[in-house]
């Protein structure tokens, strides 16, 4: 649902211009750093400074923000420029993310070591594909979705198709991360995202063009409440081109935009403009990843942003609505998503620490032998934790980004050592861990 709208300040502004001494003195009661970007529907429940009403406090807050506004060459539906600010909270988060996501602070060994990094990239891409799709209504178990991608099986449902599409879109972004943004490549990204999932298959990869307002896609909340009406379709080609210019840093008047802020503004605008019939949210998040990678934030490909967004989808929607509602101030959206990225970085640290410990324990147990390569060690670790886990040449190949013959050699070697059993499902060979695998390992 919509956040409570801010009060109309015209009357208070008039009093200020007329020289109301109480309001003029109130300007010196500038809001503290912790209150500067509280939205109205939260600020109204806090105690205002002595002698001020909540409305007057809101006016003072808005005036304090005005001096910080940094316009961007992107406009709302009424033609007003969007803008953002860089309060201390934003600067702190930008500094943290810039240092960590670009590798200025030492990155974890697992993602810098070329022998293990592909395993973690693939795992992160799969997780982001699943949760980004679930944000848009996909419904399937994570286990089934992971098996579908790793084993290369055909999607059985629309939800599984959405997840596979998202995975392919993330691969597309990764492969094309150095390319400049263009309407054509964004349309191709959308085509990948929506392949075989739209009511009208012909609309995949095509900007909406039907001028009938009744057919224009809208954003709905609970109880079919309209939360956002995007710009008319005749504006979309021009708006998409301006977004590409902004993404490619070809805009003339926006000045310096911090790279992470630029990526988040691209994310916002793709959601705001809604260029396509469906799949706008998934496309917007893929564009964010693309912008981050393009600007050198290479650790981004290990982050699963949507996993955090999925835990509180209402807050995700609210960050859009607050920015649209409060005179196009994108700072609300930026603050929320900077906090999400920061959390994702911390979750990555925790995840890698757990994985490193699991690998260490497995390697300690197997260290006397020295006969297994890193891919086989990872597979053995997985097999110990998933007693009924199955693997194929295709899934092993995909998990580690190696050639088919390399993957086959790994599995056959483990089979020959009595650690995996081979069976046939249809025309495909499947390997599964033998019973009492830990005991068998001790004999190798």
Foldseek 3Di string as FASTA:
>chain_A
DFQDFQDDCPVVVVCVVVPVPVLVVVLVVADDLVCLPDFLSVQQPDDAPPPDHSNSNVVSSVVVVVVFWQWDPAAAQVRFTFTAGCGPLNVVLLVVLVCALLCVDPHDPQCVDLQRNLLLLLVQLLLLLLLLLVLVPQDDDSVVLLCCVLVVPDDPDLSSQLSNLSSVLLVVLVVCLQPQDDLQVLLVSQLSNCPPNDPDNVQRSPFDDPQPQVLQDFDADPPRHTLARAHGSVCLVVNSHSLSCLLNVNDDRSPDDSQLNNLLVQLLSLVRRVRGSDDSNSSSVSSSLSSCVNVNSNSSSSFNLSVVCSVPVVQQVNLSSSCVSPSNHNHSSSSVSSVSVVVRSVVSVVVVVVVVVLLVVLCVLQVVPPPADPLLSVVLSVCVVPVFDKHFLSSSCSSRVHDSVVSVVSQVVCVVLVQWDWDDDPNTIMIHGDPPNSVSSNVD
